[in-house]
């Protein structure tokens, strides 16, 4: 398994958080709260985060990582 397959992509938008695994871009997960990310972290060694505001959500996810 390559490092890319262990990468979680996270998009913190204005209304919700979306994430998917790098090797499964067609399977997007929508999260209500930052803490919901925990169930997706087990196989992950890297995360790439995009955020447009919502600094509190970004800080919460960073602390969980």
PDB file of N, CA and C in Angstrom:
ATOM      1  N   UNK A   1       0.841  -1.172   0.000  1.00  0.00           N
ATOM      2  CA  UNK A   1       0.000   0.000   0.000  1.00  0.00           C
ATOM      3  C   UNK A   1       0.888   1.237   0.000  1.00  0.00           C
ATOM      4  N   UNK A   2       0.680   2.117  -0.949  1.00  0.00           N
ATOM      5  CA  UNK A   2       1.503   3.323  -1.035  1.00  0.00           C
ATOM      6  C   UNK A   2       1.027   4.371  -0.040  1.00  0.00           C
ATOM      7  N   UNK A   3       1.854   5.373   0.178  1.00  0.00           N
ATOM      8  CA  UNK A   3       1.495   6.454   1.093  1.00  0.00           C
ATOM      9  C   UNK A   3       0.259   7.209   0.605  1.00  0.00           C
ATOM     10  N   UNK A   4       0.088   7.316  -0.709  1.00  0.00           N
ATOM     11  CA  UNK A   4      -1.078   8.029  -1.223  1.00  0.00           C
ATOM     12  C   UNK A   4      -2.373   7.316  -0.873  1.00  0.00           C
ATOM     13  N   UNK A   5      -2.361   6.006  -0.836  1.00  0.00           N
ATOM     14  CA  UNK A   5      -3.582   5.282  -0.501  1.00  0.00           C
ATOM     15  C   UNK A   5      -3.936   5.429   0.976  1.00  0.00           C
ATOM     16  N   UNK A   6      -3.010   5.924   1.780  1.00  0.00           N
ATOM     17  CA  UNK A   6      -3.261   6.155   3.200  1.00  0.00           C
ATOM     18  C   UNK A   6      -3.503   7.638   3.491  1.00  0.00           C
ATOM     19  N   UNK A   7      -3.835   8.415   2.452  1.00  0.00           N
ATOM     20  CA  UNK A   7      -4.021   9.853   2.592  1.00  0.00           C
ATOM     21  C   UNK A   7      -5.506  10.195   2.624  1.00  0.00           C
ATOM     22  N   UNK A   8      -5.898  10.994   3.606  1.00  0.00           N
ATOM     23  CA  UNK A   8      -7.267  11.464   3.723  1.00  0.00           C
ATOM     24  C   UNK A   8      -7.317  12.916   3.281  1.00  0.00           C
ATOM     25  N   UNK A   9      -8.211  13.219   2.370  1.00  0.00           N
ATOM     26  CA  UNK A   9      -8.423  14.583   1.897  1.00  0.00           C
ATOM     27  C   UNK A   9      -9.619  15.156   2.649  1.00  0.00           C
ATOM     28  N   UNK A  10      -9.456  16.346   3.217  1.00  0.00           N
ATOM     29  CA  UNK A  10     -10.504  16.968   4.027  1.00  0.00           C
ATOM     30  C   UNK A  10     -10.777  18.360   3.487  1.00  0.00           C
ATOM     31  N   UNK A  11     -12.037  18.667   3.253  1.00  0.00           N
ATOM     32  CA  UNK A  11     -12.464  19.987   2.793  1.00  0.00           C
ATOM     33  C   UNK A  11     -13.400  20.571   3.838  1.00  0.00           C
ATOM     34  N   UNK A  12     -12.957  21.613   4.508  1.00  0.00           N
ATOM     35  CA  UNK A  12     -13.780  22.278   5.512  1.00  0.00           C
ATOM     36  C   UNK A  12     -14.434  23.468   4.820  1.00  0.00           C
ATOM     37  N   UNK A  13     -15.691  23.305   4.483  1.00  0.00           N
ATOM     38  CA  UNK A  13     -16.435  24.365   3.801  1.00  0.00           C
ATOM     39  C   UNK A  13     -17.192  25.236   4.776  1.00  0.00           C
ATOM     40  N   UNK A  14     -17.975  26.149   4.236  1.00  0.00           N
ATOM     41  CA  UNK A  14     -18.768  27.035   5.085  1.00  0.00           C
ATOM     42  C   UNK A  14     -19.923  26.317   5.762  1.00  0.00           C
ATOM     43  N   UNK A  15     -20.462  25.302   5.112  1.00  0.00           N
ATOM     44  CA  UNK A  15     -21.641  24.651   5.677  1.00  0.00           C
ATOM     45  C   UNK A  15     -21.402  23.232   6.167  1.00  0.00           C
ATOM     46  N   UNK A  16     -20.364  22.560   5.673  1.00  0.00           N
ATOM     47  CA  UNK A  16     -20.106  21.191   6.111  1.00  0.00           C
ATOM     48  C   UNK A  16     -18.673  20.783   5.817  1.00  0.00           C
ATOM     49  N   UNK A  17     -18.294  19.655   6.391  1.00  0.00           N
ATOM     50  CA  UNK A  17     -16.969  19.088   6.193  1.00  0.00           C
ATOM     51  C   UNK A  17     -17.122  17.869   5.300  1.00  0.00           C
ATOM     52  N   UNK A  18     -16.291  17.787   4.280  1.00  0.00           N
ATOM     53  CA  UNK A  18     -16.304  16.643   3.371  1.00  0.00           C
ATOM     54  C   UNK A  18     -14.930  15.997   3.415  1.00  0.00           C
ATOM     55  N   UNK A  19     -14.894  14.678   3.265  1.00  0.00           N
ATOM     56  CA  UNK A  19     -13.607  14.010   3.205  1.00  0.00           C
ATOM     57  C   UNK A  19     -13.709  12.773   2.332  1.00  0.00           C
ATOM     58  N   UNK A  20     -12.554  12.334   1.852  1.00  0.00           N
ATOM     59  CA  UNK A  20     -12.466  11.094   1.077  1.00  0.00           C
ATOM     60  C   UNK A  20     -11.018  10.626   1.126  1.00  0.00           C
ATOM     61  N   UNK A  21     -10.828   9.370   0.812  1.00  0.00           N
ATOM     62  CA  UNK A  21      -9.485   8.822   0.730  1.00  0.00           C
ATOM     63  C   UNK A  21      -8.932   9.100  -0.667  1.00  0.00           C
ATOM     64  N   UNK A  22      -7.652   9.354  -0.756  1.00  0.00           N
ATOM     65  CA  UNK A  22      -7.016   9.715  -2.015  1.00  0.00           C
ATOM     66  C   UNK A  22      -7.267   8.686  -3.114  1.00  0.00           C
ATOM     67  N   UNK A  23      -7.277   7.419  -2.751  1.00  0.00           N
ATOM     68  CA  UNK A  23      -7.454   6.368  -3.755  1.00  0.00           C
ATOM     69  C   UNK A  23      -8.921   6.038  -4.029  1.00  0.00           C
ATOM     70  N   UNK A  24      -9.839   6.751  -3.343  1.00  0.00           N
ATOM     71  CA  UNK A  24     -11.279   6.534  -3.560  1.00  0.00           C
ATOM     72  C   UNK A  24     -11.992   7.876  -3.645  1.00  0.00           C
ATOM     73  N   UNK A  25     -11.627   8.672  -4.625  1.00  0.00           N
ATOM     74  CA  UNK A  25     -12.162  10.027  -4.746  1.00  0.00           C
ATOM     75  C   UNK A  25     -13.662  10.062  -5.007  1.00  0.00           C
ATOM     76  N   UNK A  26     -14.223   8.974  -5.472  1.00  0.00           N
ATOM     77  CA  UNK A  26     -15.658   8.942  -5.753  1.00  0.00           C
ATOM     78  C   UNK A  26     -16.502   8.615  -4.518  1.00  0.00           C
ATOM     79  N   UNK A  27     -15.870   8.339  -3.394  1.00  0.00           N
ATOM     80  CA  UNK A  27     -16.567   8.022  -2.147  1.00  0.00           C
ATOM     81  C   UNK A  27     -16.364   9.168  -1.152  1.00  0.00           C
ATOM     82  N   UNK A  28     -17.236  10.157  -1.201  1.00  0.00           N
ATOM     83  CA  UNK A  28     -17.126  11.328  -0.342  1.00  0.00           C
ATOM     84  C   UNK A  28     -17.987  11.130   0.902  1.00  0.00           C
ATOM     85  N   UNK A  29     -17.430  11.475   2.052  1.00  0.00           N
ATOM     86  CA  UNK A  29     -18.130  11.387   3.324  1.00  0.00           C
ATOM     87  C   UNK A  29     -18.421  12.797   3.818  1.00  0.00           C
ATOM     88  N   UNK A  30     -19.628  13.024   4.262  1.00  0.00           N
ATOM     89  CA  UNK A  30     -20.031  14.328   4.779  1.00  0.00           C
ATOM     90  C   UNK A  30     -20.133  14.243   6.292  1.00  0.00           C
ATOM     91  N   UNK A  31     -19.499  15.173   6.975  1.00  0.00           N
ATOM     92  CA  UNK A  31     -19.440  15.143   8.434  1.00  0.00           C
ATOM     93  C   UNK A  31     -20.224  16.307   9.025  1.00  0.00           C
ATOM     94  N   UNK A  32     -20.896  16.052  10.128  1.00  0.00           N
ATOM     95  CA  UNK A  32     -21.637  17.099  10.828  1.00  0.00           C
ATOM     96  C   UNK A  32     -20.720  17.872  11.773  1.00  0.00           C
ATOM     97  N   UNK A  33     -19.841  17.140  12.431  1.00  0.00           N
ATOM     98  CA  UNK A  33     -18.936  17.715  13.422  1.00  0.00           C
ATOM     99  C   UNK A  33     -17.508  17.278  13.138  1.00  0.00           C
ATOM    100  N   UNK A  34     -16.555  18.061  13.567  1.00  0.00           N
ATOM    101  CA  UNK A  34     -15.145  17.719  13.372  1.00  0.00           C
ATOM    102  C   UNK A  34     -14.803  16.380  14.019  1.00  0.00           C
ATOM    103  N   UNK A  35     -15.415  16.075  15.157  1.00  0.00           N
ATOM    104  CA  UNK A  35     -15.100  14.825  15.851  1.00  0.00           C
ATOM    105  C   UNK A  35     -15.534  13.589  15.063  1.00  0.00           C
ATOM    106  N   UNK A  36     -16.426  13.755  14.097  1.00  0.00           N
ATOM    107  CA  UNK A  36     -16.850  12.624  13.255  1.00  0.00           C
ATOM    108  C   UNK A  36     -15.703  12.088  12.397  1.00  0.00           C
ATOM    109  N   UNK A  37     -14.638  12.845  12.278  1.00  0.00           N
ATOM    110  CA  UNK A  37     -13.489  12.439  11.465  1.00  0.00           C
ATOM    111  C   UNK A  37     -12.777  11.230  12.062  1.00  0.00           C
ATOM    112  N   UNK A  38     -12.935  11.011  13.352  1.00  0.00           N
ATOM    113  CA  UNK A  38     -12.221   9.932  14.037  1.00  0.00           C
ATOM    114  C   UNK A  38     -12.457   8.567  13.410  1.00  0.00           C
ATOM    115  N   UNK A  39     -13.652   8.318  12.935  1.00  0.00           N
ATOM    116  CA  UNK A  39     -13.943   6.998  12.367  1.00  0.00           C
ATOM    117  C   UNK A  39     -13.251   6.762  11.026  1.00  0.00           C
ATOM    118  N   UNK A  40     -12.697   7.806  10.423  1.00  0.00           N
ATOM    119  CA  UNK A  40     -12.019   7.673   9.132  1.00  0.00           C
ATOM    120  C   UNK A  40     -10.498   7.700   9.247  1.00  0.00           C
ATOM    121  N   UNK A  41      -9.959   7.848  10.437  1.00  0.00           N
ATOM    122  CA  UNK A  41      -8.515   8.030  10.610  1.00  0.00           C
ATOM    123  C   UNK A  41      -7.711   6.743  10.745  1.00  0.00           C
ATOM    124  N   UNK A  42      -8.330   5.629  11.015  1.00  0.00           N
ATOM    125  CA  UNK A  42      -7.580   4.399  11.299  1.00  0.00           C
ATOM    126  C   UNK A  42      -6.556   4.039  10.225  1.00  0.00           C
ATOM    127  N   UNK A  43      -6.909   3.996   8.931  1.00  0.00           N
ATOM    128  CA  UNK A  43      -5.906   3.603   7.941  1.00  0.00           C
ATOM    129  C   UNK A  43      -5.018   4.758   7.460  1.00  0.00           C
ATOM    130  N   UNK A  44      -5.153   5.931   8.048  1.00  0.00           N
ATOM    131  CA  UNK A  44      -4.537   7.147   7.506  1.00  0.00           C
ATOM    132  C   UNK A  44      -3.172   7.431   8.123  1.00  0.00           C
ATOM    133  N   UNK A  45      -2.221   7.801   7.261  1.00  0.00           N
ATOM    134  CA  UNK A  45      -0.919   8.266   7.731  1.00  0.00           C
ATOM    135  C   UNK A  45      -0.668   9.725   7.353  1.00  0.00           C
ATOM    136  N   UNK A  46      -1.451  10.236   6.399  1.00  0.00           N
ATOM    137  CA  UNK A  46      -1.318  11.625   5.946  1.00  0.00           C
ATOM    138  C   UNK A  46      -2.696  12.241   5.726  1.00  0.00           C
ATOM    139  N   UNK A  47      -2.787  13.551   5.962  1.00  0.00           N
ATOM    140  CA  UNK A  47      -4.017  14.292   5.684  1.00  0.00           C
ATOM    141  C   UNK A  47      -3.667  15.549   4.910  1.00  0.00           C
ATOM    142  N   UNK A  48      -4.530  15.889   3.978  1.00  0.00           N
ATOM    143  CA  UNK A  48      -4.439  17.158   3.263  1.00  0.00           C
ATOM    144  C   UNK A  48      -5.744  17.883   3.537  1.00  0.00           C
ATOM    145  N   UNK A  49      -5.636  19.111   4.060  1.00  0.00           N
ATOM    146  CA  UNK A  49      -6.821  19.854   4.474  1.00  0.00           C
ATOM    147  C   UNK A  49      -6.931  21.141   3.669  1.00  0.00           C
ATOM    148  N   UNK A  50      -8.144  21.403   3.174  1.00  0.00           N
ATOM    149  CA  UNK A  50      -8.484  22.682   2.557  1.00  0.00           C
ATOM    150  C   UNK A  50      -9.562  23.311   3.424  1.00  0.00           C
ATOM    151  N   UNK A  51      -9.428  24.601   3.722  1.00  0.00           N
ATOM    152  CA  UNK A  51     -10.412  25.260   4.586  1.00  0.00           C
ATOM    153  C   UNK A  51     -10.682  26.676   4.091  1.00  0.00           C
ATOM    154  N   UNK A  52     -11.955  27.041   4.076  1.00  0.00           N
ATOM    155  CA  UNK A  52     -12.367  28.395   3.698  1.00  0.00           C
ATOM    156  C   UNK A  52     -13.085  29.026   4.876  1.00  0.00           C
ATOM    157  N   UNK A  53     -12.343  29.479   5.834  1.00  0.00           N
ATOM    158  CA  UNK A  53     -12.956  29.995   7.050  1.00  0.00           C
ATOM    159  C   UNK A  53     -13.113  28.868   8.046  1.00  0.00           C
ATOM    160  N   UNK A  54     -14.113  28.973   8.905  1.00  0.00           N
ATOM    161  CA  UNK A  54     -14.394  27.932   9.894  1.00  0.00           C
ATOM    162  C   UNK A  54     -13.138  27.541  10.682  1.00  0.00           C
ATOM    163  N   UNK A  55     -12.436  28.530  11.165  1.00  0.00           N
ATOM    164  CA  UNK A  55     -11.185  28.291  11.886  1.00  0.00           C
ATOM    165  C   UNK A  55     -11.378  27.342  13.068  1.00  0.00           C
ATOM    166  N   UNK A  56     -12.518  27.408  13.749  1.00  0.00           N
ATOM    167  CA  UNK A  56     -12.763  26.520  14.895  1.00  0.00           C
ATOM    168  C   UNK A  56     -12.835  25.057  14.450  1.00  0.00           C
ATOM    169  N   UNK A  57     -13.402  24.802  13.265  1.00  0.00           N
ATOM    170  CA  UNK A  57     -13.449  23.433  12.748  1.00  0.00           C
ATOM    171  C   UNK A  57     -12.043  22.952  12.382  1.00  0.00           C
ATOM    172  N   UNK A  58     -11.265  23.821  11.761  1.00  0.00           N
ATOM    173  CA  UNK A  58      -9.891  23.475  11.405  1.00  0.00           C
ATOM    174  C   UNK A  58      -9.081  23.163  12.655  1.00  0.00           C
ATOM    175  N   UNK A  59      -9.201  23.993  13.670  1.00  0.00           N
ATOM    176  CA  UNK A  59      -8.476  23.755  14.931  1.00  0.00           C
ATOM    177  C   UNK A  59      -8.910  22.445  15.578  1.00  0.00           C
ATOM    178  N   UNK A  60     -10.199  22.143  15.533  1.00  0.00           N
ATOM    179  CA  UNK A  60     -10.699  20.894  16.124  1.00  0.00           C
ATOM    180  C   UNK A  60     -10.138  19.681  15.396  1.00  0.00           C
ATOM    181  N   UNK A  61     -10.124  19.726  14.076  1.00  0.00           N
ATOM    182  CA  UNK A  61      -9.587  18.594  13.296  1.00  0.00           C
ATOM    183  C   UNK A  61      -8.094  18.460  13.532  1.00  0.00           C
ATOM    184  N   UNK A  62      -7.378  19.546  13.556  1.00  0.00           N
ATOM    185  CA  UNK A  62      -5.940  19.480  13.827  1.00  0.00           C
ATOM    186  C   UNK A  62      -5.660  18.834  15.177  1.00  0.00           C
ATOM    187  N   UNK A  63      -6.442  19.175  16.169  1.00  0.00           N
ATOM    188  CA  UNK A  63      -6.212  18.591  17.500  1.00  0.00           C
ATOM    189  C   UNK A  63      -6.532  17.090  17.501  1.00  0.00           C
ATOM    190  N   UNK A  64      -7.490  16.658  16.710  1.00  0.00           N
ATOM    191  CA  UNK A  64      -7.814  15.239  16.623  1.00  0.00           C
ATOM    192  C   UNK A  64      -6.743  14.445  15.870  1.00  0.00           C
ATOM    193  N   UNK A  65      -6.087  15.101  14.929  1.00  0.00           N
ATOM    194  CA  UNK A  65      -5.047  14.424  14.172  1.00  0.00           C
ATOM    195  C   UNK A  65      -3.807  14.233  15.020  1.00  0.00           C
TER     196      UNK A  65
END
